[in-house]
C-alpha atoms as a PDB file:
ATOM      1  CA  MET A   1      11.627  -9.638   0.970  1.00  0.00           C
ATOM      2  CA  SER A   2      13.894 -11.243   3.504  1.00  0.00           C
ATOM      3  CA  ASN A   3      12.576 -12.203   6.930  1.00  0.00           C
ATOM      4  CA  SER A   4      14.923  -9.727   8.631  1.00  0.00           C
ATOM      5  CA  ALA A   5      13.752  -6.878   6.396  1.00  0.00           C
ATOM      6  CA  GLU A   6      10.128  -7.779   7.044  1.00  0.00           C
ATOM      7  CA  LYS A   7      10.722  -7.915  10.814  1.00  0.00           C
ATOM      8  CA  PHE A   8      12.449  -4.526  10.694  1.00  0.00           C
ATOM      9  CA  LEU A   9       9.481  -3.008   8.846  1.00  0.00           C
ATOM     10  CA  ASP A  10       7.037  -4.650  11.266  1.00  0.00           C
ATOM     11  CA  ASP A  11       8.903  -3.001  14.151  1.00  0.00           C
ATOM     12  CA  VAL A  12       9.058   0.404  12.453  1.00  0.00           C
ATOM     13  CA  ILE A  13       5.368   0.582  11.574  1.00  0.00           C
ATOM     14  CA  ASN A  14       4.234  -1.285  14.697  1.00  0.00           C
ATOM     15  CA  GLU A  15       2.145  -3.780  12.740  1.00  0.00           C
ATOM     16  CA  PRO A  16       2.770  -6.668  10.373  1.00  0.00           C
ATOM     17  CA  PHE A  17       4.044  -5.452   7.010  1.00  0.00           C
ATOM     18  CA  SER A  18       1.415  -5.856   4.320  1.00  0.00           C
ATOM     19  CA  PHE A  19       0.265  -4.233   1.107  1.00  0.00           C
ATOM     20  CA  GLY A  20      -2.248  -2.150   3.058  1.00  0.00           C
ATOM     21  CA  SER A  21       0.292  -0.979   5.631  1.00  0.00           C
ATOM     22  CA  MET A  22       2.683  -0.111   2.795  1.00  0.00           C
ATOM     23  CA  ILE A  23       0.042   2.056   1.071  1.00  0.00           C
ATOM     24  CA  GLU A  24      -0.829   3.732   4.374  1.00  0.00           C
ATOM     25  CA  ASN A  25       2.837   4.406   5.106  1.00  0.00           C
ATOM     26  CA  ILE A  26       3.386   5.878   1.643  1.00  0.00           C
ATOM     27  CA  ARG A  27       0.319   8.103   2.102  1.00  0.00           C
ATOM     28  CA  LYS A  28       1.467   9.339   5.500  1.00  0.00           C
ATOM     29  CA  THR A  29       5.116   9.920   4.580  1.00  0.00           C
ATOM     30  CA  ASN A  30       5.366  10.758   0.873  1.00  0.00           C
ATOM     31  CA  TYR A  31       1.971  12.405   0.430  1.00  0.00           C
ATOM     32  CA  GLU A  32       1.392  13.979   3.839  1.00  0.00           C
ATOM     33  CA  TYR A  33       0.358  17.203   2.087  1.00  0.00           C
ATOM     34  CA  LEU A  34      -2.737  15.431   0.736  1.00  0.00           C
ATOM     35  CA  THR A  35      -5.827  14.718   2.776  1.00  0.00           C
ATOM     36  CA  PHE A  36      -7.084  11.144   2.969  1.00  0.00           C
ATOM     37  CA  LYS A  37      -9.723  12.119   0.406  1.00  0.00           C
ATOM     38  CA  GLY A  38      -7.102  13.774  -1.800  1.00  0.00           C
ATOM     39  CA  PHE A  39      -4.874  10.708  -1.739  1.00  0.00           C
ATOM     40  CA  ALA A  40      -7.796   8.446  -2.627  1.00  0.00           C
ATOM     41  CA  SER A  41      -8.666  10.780  -5.484  1.00  0.00           C
ATOM     42  CA  TRP A  42      -5.017  10.750  -6.635  1.00  0.00           C
ATOM     43  CA  LEU A  43      -5.240   6.946  -6.845  1.00  0.00           C
ATOM     44  CA  GLY A  44      -8.594   7.169  -8.638  1.00  0.00           C
ATOM     45  CA  ILE A  45     -10.511   5.339  -5.910  1.00  0.00           C
ATOM     46  CA  SER A  46     -13.086   6.193  -3.261  1.00  0.00           C
ATOM     47  CA  GLU A  47     -12.221   6.969   0.341  1.00  0.00           C
ATOM     48  CA  LYS A  48     -14.003   3.764   1.364  1.00  0.00           C
ATOM     49  CA  ASP A  49     -11.869   1.719  -1.049  1.00  0.00           C
ATOM     50  CA  LEU A  50      -8.698   3.342   0.305  1.00  0.00           C
ATOM     51  CA  GLU A  51      -9.789   2.487   3.837  1.00  0.00           C
ATOM     52  CA  LEU A  52     -10.437  -1.116   2.799  1.00  0.00           C
ATOM     53  CA  ILE A  53      -7.064  -1.335   1.013  1.00  0.00           C
ATOM     54  CA  GLU A  54      -5.180   0.021   4.021  1.00  0.00           C
ATOM     55  CA  ASN A  55      -6.959  -2.547   6.202  1.00  0.00           C
ATOM     56  CA  ASN A  56      -6.179  -5.362   3.727  1.00  0.00           C
ATOM     57  CA  SER A  57      -9.918  -5.930   3.318  1.00  0.00           C
ATOM     58  CA  LYS A  58     -10.280  -5.133  -0.386  1.00  0.00           C
ATOM     59  CA  ASN A  59      -9.485  -7.619  -3.096  1.00  0.00           C
ATOM     60  CA  LEU A  60      -7.341  -5.955  -5.724  1.00  0.00           C
ATOM     61  CA  SER A  61      -6.445  -7.092  -9.197  1.00  0.00           C
ATOM     62  CA  GLU A  62      -2.894  -7.296 -10.466  1.00  0.00           C
ATOM     63  CA  LYS A  63      -3.761  -4.465 -12.865  1.00  0.00           C
ATOM     64  CA  GLU A  64      -4.843  -2.212  -9.977  1.00  0.00           C
ATOM     65  CA  VAL A  65      -1.658  -2.957  -8.035  1.00  0.00           C
ATOM     66  CA  LYS A  66       0.486  -2.147 -11.080  1.00  0.00           C
ATOM     67  CA  ASN A  67      -1.461   1.076 -11.582  1.00  0.00           C
ATOM     68  CA  PHE A  68      -0.858   2.135  -7.958  1.00  0.00           C
ATOM     69  CA  ALA A  69       2.879   1.518  -8.397  1.00  0.00           C
ATOM     70  CA  LYS A  70       2.883   3.637 -11.545  1.00  0.00           C
ATOM     71  CA  LEU A  71       0.889   6.480  -9.969  1.00  0.00           C
ATOM     72  CA  LEU A  72       3.071   6.471  -6.861  1.00  0.00           C
ATOM     73  CA  GLU A  73       6.236   6.236  -8.975  1.00  0.00           C
ATOM     74  CA  ASP A  74       7.405   3.128  -7.183  1.00  0.00           C
ATOM     75  CA  SER A  75       8.622  -0.335  -8.114  1.00  0.00           C
ATOM     76  CA  GLU A  76       5.941  -2.404  -9.819  1.00  0.00           C
ATOM     77  CA  LYS A  77       7.846  -5.544  -8.896  1.00  0.00           C
ATOM     78  CA  PHE A  78       7.946  -4.590  -5.205  1.00  0.00           C
ATOM     79  CA  PHE A  79       4.251  -3.653  -5.149  1.00  0.00           C
ATOM     80  CA  LEU A  80       3.292  -6.947  -6.806  1.00  0.00           C
ATOM     81  CA  LYS A  81       5.479  -8.998  -4.467  1.00  0.00           C
ATOM     82  CA  THR A  82       4.101  -7.252  -1.376  1.00  0.00           C
ATOM     83  CA  TRP A  83       0.530  -7.640  -2.648  1.00  0.00           C
ATOM     84  CA  GLN A  84       1.067 -11.328  -3.407  1.00  0.00           C
ATOM     85  CA  GLU A  85       2.512 -11.946   0.063  1.00  0.00           C
ATOM     86  CA  THR A  86      -0.486 -10.223   1.639  1.00  0.00           C
ATOM     87  CA  GLN A  87      -2.842 -12.511  -0.318  1.00  0.00           C
ATOM     88  CA  LYS A  88      -1.450 -15.646   1.364  1.00  0.00           C
END
């Protein structure tokens, strides 16, 4: 992701763009009809794990990140890149 795109996203979501903020934004915009618990269930994880992911406090495997992209019908490449950047 370019620096200008990242800055734009930082400004829009009012926090640094990260894998966790991306997941939270997807949950709040694309799946607003689901409760927090329902979204966690949709991803096949616990509410606590979702909270940790959104706070960038949970270590995820590449396989888990790919699975989230598949479940959320999004770009695996983008999810992996965002996840990798968050790991730095």
